[in-house]
Amino acid sequence: MARPSLSTVAELLKPITWFPPMWAFSCGVVASAQSFSANWTLIVLGLVLTGPLVCASSQAVNDWFDRHVDAINEPNRPIPSGRMPGRWGLYIAILWTVLSLVWAWGLGTWGFWACALGLALAWAYSAPPFRLKLNGWWGNSACALSYEGLAWVTGGAVMLGGALPAGESLLLALLYSAGAHGIMTLNDFKAIEGDKQMGVRSLPVQLGPTGAAKAACIIMLVPQFVVVVMLLQWGQPWHAAGVLALVLAQLPLMLAFVRQPIEKALMLSAFGVPLYVSGMMVSAWALHFLHRVTL
């Protein structure tokens, strides 16, 4: 059987998607308030785990089980185009999943189990019998938790020698995961027709483009405002102000998006999401200084 080229394998693993979990992992590292220089090896190992391994695994799994939908929405993808022949897509998904688990075993108890849960959600998102992506509420929740919350927790756990991160860090990871549900919805606007044909009930399919746009914006905004309040309660007013400024900068982009959901979804993703994830790092630094003082 013909083998895919290395460039086709790289396209299947979608390196451009690795940034969000690697960024969330970095936020967990910062929030742990541990020394970067003393743990640089673990940081590098964790970044490889969250991006080139776990996230890449999820992309391969998704492309294999979405090959029929991609034949409509994105026929040039490696599998529907025939550049990834036979069952190579499935074999790569399984191989990368196993490699991820083996790699995570060396990063401590909580790091390993966070990785295992992330991989389980990745398979449940795309593969039967669960195939969570068939419903935008469940599927986007699984993705958001994997890409943001679990990656954040993994970063903190790795820095703490495999221990569970502090409660404040866990709360921020959960809040930013909740908000990321809205970010995941932005990706669904480009695939509305294919999703309708294949029975994928994304939020734009369920609520219509305008309803889904409003829902996505509200879901993104509410957790960020909660983060601002929490940072104030934790005695970090400057960081709270920084997060608030980043939230307010998202509002004009969101208003334009609600007026023209399909046309402006890419714009909000390109310019609004970086503001969102910047707030994650500002919040992480707030915990860094909070814990460094109180330890």
C-alpha atoms as a PDB file:
ATOM      1  CA  MET A   1       0.000   0.000   0.000  1.00  0.00           C
ATOM      2  CA  ALA A   2       1.267   3.462  -0.896  1.00  0.00           C
ATOM      3  CA  ARG A   3       2.568   5.526   1.985  1.00  0.00           C
ATOM      4  CA  PRO A   4       1.808   9.219   2.472  1.00  0.00           C
ATOM      5  CA  SER A   5       4.606  11.743   2.113  1.00  0.00           C
ATOM      6  CA  LEU A   6       6.059  13.422   5.176  1.00  0.00           C
ATOM      7  CA  SER A   7       4.541  16.730   4.071  1.00  0.00           C
ATOM      8  CA  THR A   8       1.116  15.084   3.942  1.00  0.00           C
ATOM      9  CA  VAL A   9       1.584  13.643   7.436  1.00  0.00           C
ATOM     10  CA  ALA A  10       2.567  17.102   8.690  1.00  0.00           C
ATOM     11  CA  GLU A  11      -0.556  18.558   7.079  1.00  0.00           C
ATOM     12  CA  LEU A  12      -2.676  15.920   8.804  1.00  0.00           C
ATOM     13  CA  LEU A  13      -1.182  16.829  12.187  1.00  0.00           C
ATOM     14  CA  LYS A  14      -1.896  20.561  11.585  1.00  0.00           C
ATOM     15  CA  PRO A  15       1.023  22.332  13.338  1.00  0.00           C
ATOM     16  CA  ILE A  16      -0.850  25.639  13.169  1.00  0.00           C
ATOM     17  CA  THR A  17      -3.341  24.256  15.731  1.00  0.00           C
ATOM     18  CA  TRP A  18      -0.676  23.386  18.282  1.00  0.00           C
ATOM     19  CA  PHE A  19      -0.324  26.924  19.598  1.00  0.00           C
ATOM     20  CA  PRO A  20      -3.483  27.129  21.823  1.00  0.00           C
ATOM     21  CA  PRO A  21      -2.685  24.133  24.076  1.00  0.00           C
ATOM     22  CA  MET A  22       1.010  25.056  24.194  1.00  0.00           C
ATOM     23  CA  TRP A  23       0.025  28.576  25.255  1.00  0.00           C
ATOM     24  CA  ALA A  24      -2.368  27.228  27.904  1.00  0.00           C
ATOM     25  CA  PHE A  25       0.375  24.905  29.155  1.00  0.00           C
ATOM     26  CA  SER A  26       2.674  27.938  29.433  1.00  0.00           C
ATOM     27  CA  CYS A  27      -0.004  29.740  31.449  1.00  0.00           C
ATOM     28  CA  GLY A  28      -0.086  26.826  33.879  1.00  0.00           C
ATOM     29  CA  VAL A  29       3.702  26.959  34.117  1.00  0.00           C
ATOM     30  CA  VAL A  30       3.654  30.676  34.932  1.00  0.00           C
ATOM     31  CA  ALA A  31       0.771  30.347  37.407  1.00  0.00           C
ATOM     32  CA  SER A  32       2.671  27.679  39.370  1.00  0.00           C
ATOM     33  CA  ALA A  33       5.135  30.334  40.613  1.00  0.00           C
ATOM     34  CA  GLN A  34       8.003  27.880  40.255  1.00  0.00           C
ATOM     35  CA  SER A  35      11.455  28.634  38.867  1.00  0.00           C
ATOM     36  CA  PHE A  36      11.619  28.523  35.073  1.00  0.00           C
ATOM     37  CA  SER A  37      15.365  28.017  34.902  1.00  0.00           C
ATOM     38  CA  ALA A  38      15.331  25.143  37.378  1.00  0.00           C
ATOM     39  CA  ASN A  39      12.598  23.348  35.428  1.00  0.00           C
ATOM     40  CA  TRP A  40      13.380  24.240  31.817  1.00  0.00           C
ATOM     41  CA  THR A  41      13.724  20.591  30.785  1.00  0.00           C
ATOM     42  CA  LEU A  42      10.245  19.772  32.089  1.00  0.00           C
ATOM     43  CA  ILE A  43       8.846  22.860  30.379  1.00  0.00           C
ATOM     44  CA  VAL A  44      10.242  21.765  27.014  1.00  0.00           C
ATOM     45  CA  LEU A  45       8.972  18.214  27.505  1.00  0.00           C
ATOM     46  CA  GLY A  46       5.533  19.549  28.422  1.00  0.00           C
ATOM     47  CA  LEU A  47       5.360  21.855  25.406  1.00  0.00           C
ATOM     48  CA  VAL A  48       6.180  18.924  23.137  1.00  0.00           C
ATOM     49  CA  LEU A  49       3.477  16.878  24.856  1.00  0.00           C
ATOM     50  CA  THR A  50       0.695  19.432  24.547  1.00  0.00           C
ATOM     51  CA  GLY A  51       1.418  20.543  20.977  1.00  0.00           C
ATOM     52  CA  PRO A  52       3.223  18.085  18.667  1.00  0.00           C
ATOM     53  CA  LEU A  53       1.860  15.054  20.523  1.00  0.00           C
ATOM     54  CA  VAL A  54      -1.575  15.476  22.158  1.00  0.00           C
ATOM     55  CA  CYS A  55      -2.935  18.225  19.913  1.00  0.00           C
ATOM     56  CA  ALA A  56      -1.518  16.541  16.824  1.00  0.00           C
ATOM     57  CA  SER A  57      -3.187  13.294  17.924  1.00  0.00           C
ATOM     58  CA  SER A  58      -6.530  15.044  18.204  1.00  0.00           C
ATOM     59  CA  GLN A  59      -6.145  16.520  14.719  1.00  0.00           C
ATOM     60  CA  ALA A  60      -5.374  13.123  13.197  1.00  0.00           C
ATOM     61  CA  VAL A  61      -8.325  11.524  14.989  1.00  0.00           C
ATOM     62  CA  ASN A  62     -10.651  14.291  13.850  1.00  0.00           C
ATOM     63  CA  ASP A  63      -9.516  14.145  10.222  1.00  0.00           C
ATOM     64  CA  TRP A  64      -9.997  10.380  10.049  1.00  0.00           C
ATOM     65  CA  PHE A  65     -13.509  10.336  11.453  1.00  0.00           C
ATOM     66  CA  ASP A  66     -14.441  13.543   9.606  1.00  0.00           C
ATOM     67  CA  ARG A  67     -13.210  12.390   6.220  1.00  0.00           C
ATOM     68  CA  HIS A  68     -16.750  12.238   4.788  1.00  0.00           C
ATOM     69  CA  VAL A  69     -17.609  15.733   6.030  1.00  0.00           C
ATOM     70  CA  ASP A  70     -14.260  17.067   4.801  1.00  0.00           C
ATOM     71  CA  ALA A  71     -15.014  15.627   1.360  1.00  0.00           C
ATOM     72  CA  ILE A  72     -17.752  18.300   1.211  1.00  0.00           C
ATOM     73  CA  ASN A  73     -16.250  21.168   3.214  1.00  0.00           C
ATOM     74  CA  GLU A  74     -12.509  20.730   2.580  1.00  0.00           C
ATOM     75  CA  PRO A  75     -11.954  18.200  -0.240  1.00  0.00           C
ATOM     76  CA  ASN A  76      -8.266  19.081  -0.463  1.00  0.00           C
ATOM     77  CA  ARG A  77      -7.524  17.761   3.040  1.00  0.00           C
ATOM     78  CA  PRO A  78      -5.044  14.827   3.078  1.00  0.00           C
ATOM     79  CA  ILE A  79      -7.584  12.016   3.505  1.00  0.00           C
ATOM     80  CA  PRO A  80     -10.464  13.019   1.171  1.00  0.00           C
ATOM     81  CA  SER A  81      -7.968  14.146  -1.493  1.00  0.00           C
ATOM     82  CA  GLY A  82      -6.405  10.674  -1.531  1.00  0.00           C
ATOM     83  CA  ARG A  83      -2.949  11.905  -0.542  1.00  0.00           C
ATOM     84  CA  MET A  84      -3.353   9.946   2.721  1.00  0.00           C
ATOM     85  CA  PRO A  85      -4.327   6.555   1.261  1.00  0.00           C
ATOM     86  CA  GLY A  86      -6.057   3.599   2.857  1.00  0.00           C
ATOM     87  CA  ARG A  87      -6.246   3.627   6.642  1.00  0.00           C
ATOM     88  CA  TRP A  88      -3.036   5.572   7.186  1.00  0.00           C
ATOM     89  CA  GLY A  89      -4.955   8.399   8.859  1.00  0.00           C
ATOM     90  CA  LEU A  90      -6.281   6.013  11.510  1.00  0.00           C
ATOM     91  CA  TYR A  91      -2.887   4.356  12.028  1.00  0.00           C
ATOM     92  CA  ILE A  92      -1.217   7.721  12.596  1.00  0.00           C
ATOM     93  CA  ALA A  93      -3.962   8.779  15.040  1.00  0.00           C
ATOM     94  CA  ILE A  94      -3.432   5.612  17.095  1.00  0.00           C
ATOM     95  CA  LEU A  95       0.361   5.858  16.975  1.00  0.00           C
ATOM     96  CA  TRP A  96       0.402   9.497  18.101  1.00  0.00           C
ATOM     97  CA  THR A  97      -2.031   8.716  20.923  1.00  0.00           C
ATOM     98  CA  VAL A  98       0.225   5.947  22.245  1.00  0.00           C
ATOM     99  CA  LEU A  99       3.326   8.146  21.919  1.00  0.00           C
ATOM    100  CA  SER A 100       1.549  10.903  23.863  1.00  0.00           C
ATOM    101  CA  LEU A 101       0.710   8.576  26.751  1.00  0.00           C
ATOM    102  CA  VAL A 102       4.251   7.185  26.901  1.00  0.00           C
ATOM    103  CA  TRP A 103       5.684  10.720  26.883  1.00  0.00           C
ATOM    104  CA  ALA A 104       3.261  11.920  29.565  1.00  0.00           C
ATOM    105  CA  TRP A 105       4.214   9.053  31.883  1.00  0.00           C
ATOM    106  CA  GLY A 106       7.460  10.850  32.669  1.00  0.00           C
ATOM    107  CA  LEU A 107       5.759  14.089  33.707  1.00  0.00           C
ATOM    108  CA  GLY A 108       4.173  13.073  37.011  1.00  0.00           C
ATOM    109  CA  THR A 109       0.839  11.697  38.127  1.00  0.00           C
ATOM    110  CA  TRP A 110      -1.423  14.656  37.475  1.00  0.00           C
ATOM    111  CA  GLY A 111       0.373  15.519  34.248  1.00  0.00           C
ATOM    112  CA  PHE A 112      -0.190  11.981  32.974  1.00  0.00           C
ATOM    113  CA  TRP A 113      -3.860  11.825  33.918  1.00  0.00           C
ATOM    114  CA  ALA A 114      -4.566  15.274  32.503  1.00  0.00           C
ATOM    115  CA  CYS A 115      -2.997  14.073  29.253  1.00  0.00           C
ATOM    116  CA  ALA A 116      -5.006  10.836  29.331  1.00  0.00           C
ATOM    117  CA  LEU A 117      -8.263  12.725  29.881  1.00  0.00           C
ATOM    118  CA  GLY A 118      -7.419  15.123  27.057  1.00  0.00           C
ATOM    119  CA  LEU A 119      -6.797  12.224  24.687  1.00  0.00           C
ATOM    120  CA  ALA A 120     -10.003  10.500  25.803  1.00  0.00           C
ATOM    121  CA  LEU A 121     -11.961  13.655  25.043  1.00  0.00           C
ATOM    122  CA  ALA A 122     -10.232  13.963  21.662  1.00  0.00           C
ATOM    123  CA  TRP A 123     -11.367  10.470  20.677  1.00  0.00           C
ATOM    124  CA  ALA A 124     -14.844  10.967  22.160  1.00  0.00           C
ATOM    125  CA  TYR A 125     -15.165  14.222  20.214  1.00  0.00           C
ATOM    126  CA  SER A 126     -14.599  12.628  16.825  1.00  0.00           C
ATOM    127  CA  ALA A 127     -15.102   8.882  17.068  1.00  0.00           C
ATOM    128  CA  PRO A 128     -18.223   6.764  17.515  1.00  0.00           C
ATOM    129  CA  PRO A 129     -20.036   5.808  19.616  1.00  0.00           C
ATOM    130  CA  PHE A 130     -19.832   9.170  21.386  1.00  0.00           C
ATOM    131  CA  ARG A 131     -18.884  11.501  18.492  1.00  0.00           C
ATOM    132  CA  LEU A 132     -19.510  14.543  20.644  1.00  0.00           C
ATOM    133  CA  LYS A 133     -18.968  16.893  17.739  1.00  0.00           C
ATOM    134  CA  LEU A 134     -22.401  15.955  16.380  1.00  0.00           C
ATOM    135  CA  ASN A 135     -23.748  18.411  18.963  1.00  0.00           C
ATOM    136  CA  GLY A 136     -22.026  21.782  19.181  1.00  0.00           C
ATOM    137  CA  TRP A 137     -22.693  22.169  22.901  1.00  0.00           C
ATOM    138  CA  TRP A 138     -20.986  18.915  23.846  1.00  0.00           C
ATOM    139  CA  GLY A 139     -18.302  18.850  21.188  1.00  0.00           C
ATOM    140  CA  ASN A 140     -17.087  22.388  21.737  1.00  0.00           C
ATOM    141  CA  SER A 141     -17.019  21.797  25.486  1.00  0.00           C
ATOM    142  CA  ALA A 142     -14.755  18.769  25.025  1.00  0.00           C
ATOM    143  CA  CYS A 143     -12.397  20.706  22.755  1.00  0.00           C
ATOM    144  CA  ALA A 144     -12.286  23.750  25.008  1.00  0.00           C
ATOM    145  CA  LEU A 145     -11.532  21.676  28.091  1.00  0.00           C
ATOM    146  CA  SER A 146      -8.763  19.770  26.296  1.00  0.00           C
ATOM    147  CA  TYR A 147      -7.122  22.732  24.583  1.00  0.00           C
ATOM    148  CA  GLU A 148      -7.258  25.177  27.476  1.00  0.00           C
ATOM    149  CA  GLY A 149      -8.101  23.734  30.888  1.00  0.00           C
ATOM    150  CA  LEU A 150      -6.294  20.412  30.799  1.00  0.00           C
ATOM    151  CA  ALA A 151      -3.246  21.924  29.109  1.00  0.00           C
ATOM    152  CA  TRP A 152      -3.136  24.624  31.829  1.00  0.00           C
ATOM    153  CA  VAL A 153      -3.439  22.005  34.584  1.00  0.00           C
ATOM    154  CA  THR A 154      -0.717  19.918  32.945  1.00  0.00           C
ATOM    155  CA  GLY A 155       1.634  22.911  32.950  1.00  0.00           C
ATOM    156  CA  GLY A 156       1.063  23.532  36.631  1.00  0.00           C
ATOM    157  CA  ALA A 157       1.326  19.858  37.553  1.00  0.00           C
ATOM    158  CA  VAL A 158       4.595  19.413  35.679  1.00  0.00           C
ATOM    159  CA  MET A 159       6.145  22.373  37.502  1.00  0.00           C
ATOM    160  CA  LEU A 160       4.932  21.073  40.861  1.00  0.00           C
ATOM    161  CA  GLY A 161       6.513  17.668  40.467  1.00  0.00           C
ATOM    162  CA  GLY A 162       3.281  15.977  39.459  1.00  0.00           C
ATOM    163  CA  ALA A 163       1.141  17.543  42.215  1.00  0.00           C
ATOM    164  CA  LEU A 164      -2.252  19.140  41.632  1.00  0.00           C
ATOM    165  CA  PRO A 165      -2.000  22.937  41.053  1.00  0.00           C
ATOM    166  CA  ALA A 166      -3.449  25.431  43.535  1.00  0.00           C
ATOM    167  CA  GLY A 167      -7.177  26.077  43.654  1.00  0.00           C
ATOM    168  CA  GLU A 168      -6.842  29.551  42.103  1.00  0.00           C
ATOM    169  CA  SER A 169      -5.020  28.068  39.124  1.00  0.00           C
ATOM    170  CA  LEU A 170      -7.644  25.352  38.691  1.00  0.00           C
ATOM    171  CA  LEU A 171     -10.411  27.959  38.792  1.00  0.00           C
ATOM    172  CA  LEU A 172      -8.790  30.095  36.109  1.00  0.00           C
ATOM    173  CA  ALA A 173      -8.213  27.011  33.961  1.00  0.00           C
ATOM    174  CA  LEU A 174     -11.913  26.160  34.259  1.00  0.00           C
ATOM    175  CA  LEU A 175     -13.061  29.712  33.493  1.00  0.00           C
ATOM    176  CA  TYR A 176     -10.899  30.066  30.415  1.00  0.00           C
ATOM    177  CA  SER A 177     -12.016  26.616  29.264  1.00  0.00           C
ATOM    178  CA  ALA A 178     -15.628  27.761  29.525  1.00  0.00           C
ATOM    179  CA  GLY A 179     -14.879  30.862  27.489  1.00  0.00           C
ATOM    180  CA  ALA A 180     -13.010  28.842  24.889  1.00  0.00           C
ATOM    181  CA  HIS A 181     -16.290  27.104  24.045  1.00  0.00           C
ATOM    182  CA  GLY A 182     -17.191  30.316  22.226  1.00  0.00           C
ATOM    183  CA  ILE A 183     -13.849  30.309  20.409  1.00  0.00           C
ATOM    184  CA  MET A 184     -14.505  26.773  19.167  1.00  0.00           C
ATOM    185  CA  THR A 185     -17.842  27.939  17.781  1.00  0.00           C
ATOM    186  CA  LEU A 186     -16.034  30.435  15.542  1.00  0.00           C
ATOM    187  CA  ASN A 187     -14.551  27.521  13.610  1.00  0.00           C
ATOM    188  CA  ASP A 188     -18.010  26.175  12.754  1.00  0.00           C
ATOM    189  CA  PHE A 189     -19.173  29.066  10.572  1.00  0.00           C
ATOM    190  CA  LYS A 190     -17.086  27.955   7.597  1.00  0.00           C
ATOM    191  CA  ALA A 191     -18.671  24.500   7.535  1.00  0.00           C
ATOM    192  CA  ILE A 192     -22.405  25.174   7.922  1.00  0.00           C
ATOM    193  CA  GLU A 193     -23.529  23.577   4.650  1.00  0.00           C
ATOM    194  CA  GLY A 194     -21.428  20.454   5.050  1.00  0.00           C
ATOM    195  CA  ASP A 195     -22.493  20.093   8.681  1.00  0.00           C
ATOM    196  CA  LYS A 196     -26.163  20.289   7.682  1.00  0.00           C
ATOM    197  CA  GLN A 197     -25.732  17.601   5.047  1.00  0.00           C
ATOM    198  CA  MET A 198     -23.841  15.273   7.387  1.00  0.00           C
ATOM    199  CA  GLY A 199     -26.069  15.772  10.445  1.00  0.00           C
ATOM    200  CA  VAL A 200     -23.515  17.716  12.504  1.00  0.00           C
ATOM    201  CA  ARG A 201     -25.537  19.984  14.783  1.00  0.00           C
ATOM    202  CA  SER A 202     -23.003  22.739  15.336  1.00  0.00           C
ATOM    203  CA  LEU A 203     -24.223  25.903  17.043  1.00  0.00           C
ATOM    204  CA  PRO A 204     -24.578  27.784  13.725  1.00  0.00           C
ATOM    205  CA  VAL A 205     -26.755  24.905  12.506  1.00  0.00           C
ATOM    206  CA  GLN A 206     -28.830  24.760  15.706  1.00  0.00           C
ATOM    207  CA  LEU A 207     -29.192  28.469  16.419  1.00  0.00           C
ATOM    208  CA  GLY A 208     -28.646  29.996  12.994  1.00  0.00           C
ATOM    209  CA  PRO A 209     -25.599  32.157  12.214  1.00  0.00           C
ATOM    210  CA  THR A 210     -26.777  35.216  14.178  1.00  0.00           C
ATOM    211  CA  GLY A 211     -27.927  33.234  17.210  1.00  0.00           C
ATOM    212  CA  ALA A 212     -24.698  31.257  17.291  1.00  0.00           C
ATOM    213  CA  ALA A 213     -22.663  34.453  16.980  1.00  0.00           C
ATOM    214  CA  LYS A 214     -24.434  36.003  19.961  1.00  0.00           C
ATOM    215  CA  ALA A 215     -24.024  32.822  21.993  1.00  0.00           C
ATOM    216  CA  ALA A 216     -20.320  32.578  21.161  1.00  0.00           C
ATOM    217  CA  CYS A 217     -19.685  36.172  22.232  1.00  0.00           C
ATOM    218  CA  ILE A 218     -21.577  35.818  25.511  1.00  0.00           C
ATOM    219  CA  ILE A 219     -19.800  32.546  26.291  1.00  0.00           C
ATOM    220  CA  MET A 220     -16.437  34.213  25.665  1.00  0.00           C
ATOM    221  CA  LEU A 221     -17.194  37.369  27.633  1.00  0.00           C
ATOM    222  CA  VAL A 222     -18.808  36.113  30.848  1.00  0.00           C
ATOM    223  CA  PRO A 223     -15.871  34.004  32.113  1.00  0.00           C
ATOM    224  CA  GLN A 224     -13.451  36.836  31.388  1.00  0.00           C
ATOM    225  CA  PHE A 225     -15.467  39.260  33.501  1.00  0.00           C
ATOM    226  CA  VAL A 226     -15.530  36.639  36.270  1.00  0.00           C
ATOM    227  CA  VAL A 227     -11.730  36.429  36.013  1.00  0.00           C
ATOM    228  CA  VAL A 228     -11.509  40.203  36.494  1.00  0.00           C
ATOM    229  CA  VAL A 229     -13.606  39.959  39.647  1.00  0.00           C
ATOM    230  CA  MET A 230     -11.550  37.053  40.985  1.00  0.00           C
ATOM    231  CA  LEU A 231      -8.254  38.858  40.394  1.00  0.00           C
ATOM    232  CA  LEU A 232      -9.581  41.844  42.326  1.00  0.00           C
ATOM    233  CA  GLN A 233     -10.585  39.578  45.197  1.00  0.00           C
ATOM    234  CA  TRP A 234      -7.103  38.043  45.190  1.00  0.00           C
ATOM    235  CA  GLY A 235      -5.513  41.483  45.539  1.00  0.00           C
ATOM    236  CA  GLN A 236      -4.187  41.798  41.980  1.00  0.00           C
ATOM    237  CA  PRO A 237      -5.800  45.056  40.745  1.00  0.00           C
ATOM    238  CA  TRP A 238      -3.260  45.832  38.013  1.00  0.00           C
ATOM    239  CA  HIS A 239      -3.627  42.429  36.450  1.00  0.00           C
ATOM    240  CA  ALA A 240      -7.404  42.727  36.747  1.00  0.00           C
ATOM    241  CA  ALA A 241      -7.232  46.050  34.897  1.00  0.00           C
ATOM    242  CA  GLY A 242      -5.084  44.460  32.194  1.00  0.00           C
ATOM    243  CA  VAL A 243      -7.568  41.644  31.636  1.00  0.00           C
ATOM    244  CA  LEU A 244     -10.466  44.118  31.602  1.00  0.00           C
ATOM    245  CA  ALA A 245      -8.723  46.242  28.963  1.00  0.00           C
ATOM    246  CA  LEU A 246      -8.235  43.157  26.790  1.00  0.00           C
ATOM    247  CA  VAL A 247     -11.902  42.227  27.207  1.00  0.00           C
ATOM    248  CA  LEU A 248     -13.073  45.702  26.211  1.00  0.00           C
ATOM    249  CA  ALA A 249     -10.847  45.588  23.133  1.00  0.00           C
ATOM    250  CA  GLN A 250     -12.757  42.483  21.992  1.00  0.00           C
ATOM    251  CA  LEU A 251     -16.149  44.203  22.071  1.00  0.00           C
ATOM    252  CA  PRO A 252     -15.965  46.130  18.740  1.00  0.00           C
ATOM    253  CA  LEU A 253     -14.844  42.965  16.982  1.00  0.00           C
ATOM    254  CA  MET A 254     -17.711  41.022  18.518  1.00  0.00           C
ATOM    255  CA  LEU A 255     -20.275  43.631  17.505  1.00  0.00           C
ATOM    256  CA  ALA A 256     -19.089  43.453  13.909  1.00  0.00           C
ATOM    257  CA  PHE A 257     -19.197  39.663  14.104  1.00  0.00           C
ATOM    258  CA  VAL A 258     -22.803  39.596  15.354  1.00  0.00           C
ATOM    259  CA  ARG A 259     -23.854  41.889  12.494  1.00  0.00           C
ATOM    260  CA  GLN A 260     -22.141  39.700   9.867  1.00  0.00           C
ATOM    261  CA  PRO A 261     -21.484  36.283  11.442  1.00  0.00           C
ATOM    262  CA  ILE A 262     -20.316  34.305   8.439  1.00  0.00           C
ATOM    263  CA  GLU A 263     -18.253  37.109   6.934  1.00  0.00           C
ATOM    264  CA  LYS A 264     -16.614  38.233  10.193  1.00  0.00           C
ATOM    265  CA  ALA A 265     -16.018  34.917  11.993  1.00  0.00           C
ATOM    266  CA  LEU A 266     -12.471  34.726  10.647  1.00  0.00           C
ATOM    267  CA  MET A 267     -11.818  38.328  11.678  1.00  0.00           C
ATOM    268  CA  LEU A 268     -12.857  37.700  15.281  1.00  0.00           C
ATOM    269  CA  SER A 269     -10.794  34.529  15.326  1.00  0.00           C
ATOM    270  CA  ALA A 270      -7.730  36.335  13.944  1.00  0.00           C
ATOM    271  CA  PHE A 271      -7.883  39.470  16.103  1.00  0.00           C
ATOM    272  CA  GLY A 272     -10.220  38.772  19.037  1.00  0.00           C
ATOM    273  CA  VAL A 273      -8.860  35.395  20.087  1.00  0.00           C
ATOM    274  CA  PRO A 274      -5.293  36.725  20.577  1.00  0.00           C
ATOM    275  CA  LEU A 275      -6.763  39.297  22.973  1.00  0.00           C
ATOM    276  CA  TYR A 276      -8.550  36.491  24.831  1.00  0.00           C
ATOM    277  CA  VAL A 277      -5.440  34.339  25.206  1.00  0.00           C
ATOM    278  CA  SER A 278      -3.371  37.371  26.199  1.00  0.00           C
ATOM    279  CA  GLY A 279      -5.750  37.758  29.124  1.00  0.00           C
ATOM    280  CA  MET A 280      -4.981  34.162  30.068  1.00  0.00           C
ATOM    281  CA  MET A 281      -1.302  34.953  30.397  1.00  0.00           C
ATOM    282  CA  VAL A 282      -1.950  38.178  32.329  1.00  0.00           C
ATOM    283  CA  SER A 283      -4.065  36.148  34.766  1.00  0.00           C
ATOM    284  CA  ALA A 284      -1.357  33.515  35.045  1.00  0.00           C
ATOM    285  CA  TRP A 285       1.203  36.153  35.973  1.00  0.00           C
ATOM    286  CA  ALA A 286      -1.208  37.461  38.626  1.00  0.00           C
ATOM    287  CA  LEU A 287      -1.137  34.020  40.260  1.00  0.00           C
ATOM    288  CA  HIS A 288       2.630  33.828  39.815  1.00  0.00           C
ATOM    289  CA  PHE A 289       3.122  36.934  41.934  1.00  0.00           C
ATOM    290  CA  LEU A 290       0.356  35.975  44.361  1.00  0.00           C
ATOM    291  CA  HIS A 291       1.807  32.548  45.083  1.00  0.00           C
ATOM    292  CA  ARG A 292       5.406  33.718  45.063  1.00  0.00           C
ATOM    293  CA  VAL A 293       4.590  36.157  47.848  1.00  0.00           C
ATOM    294  CA  THR A 294       2.520  33.757  49.922  1.00  0.00           C
ATOM    295  CA  LEU A 295       4.656  30.624  49.583  1.00  0.00           C
END
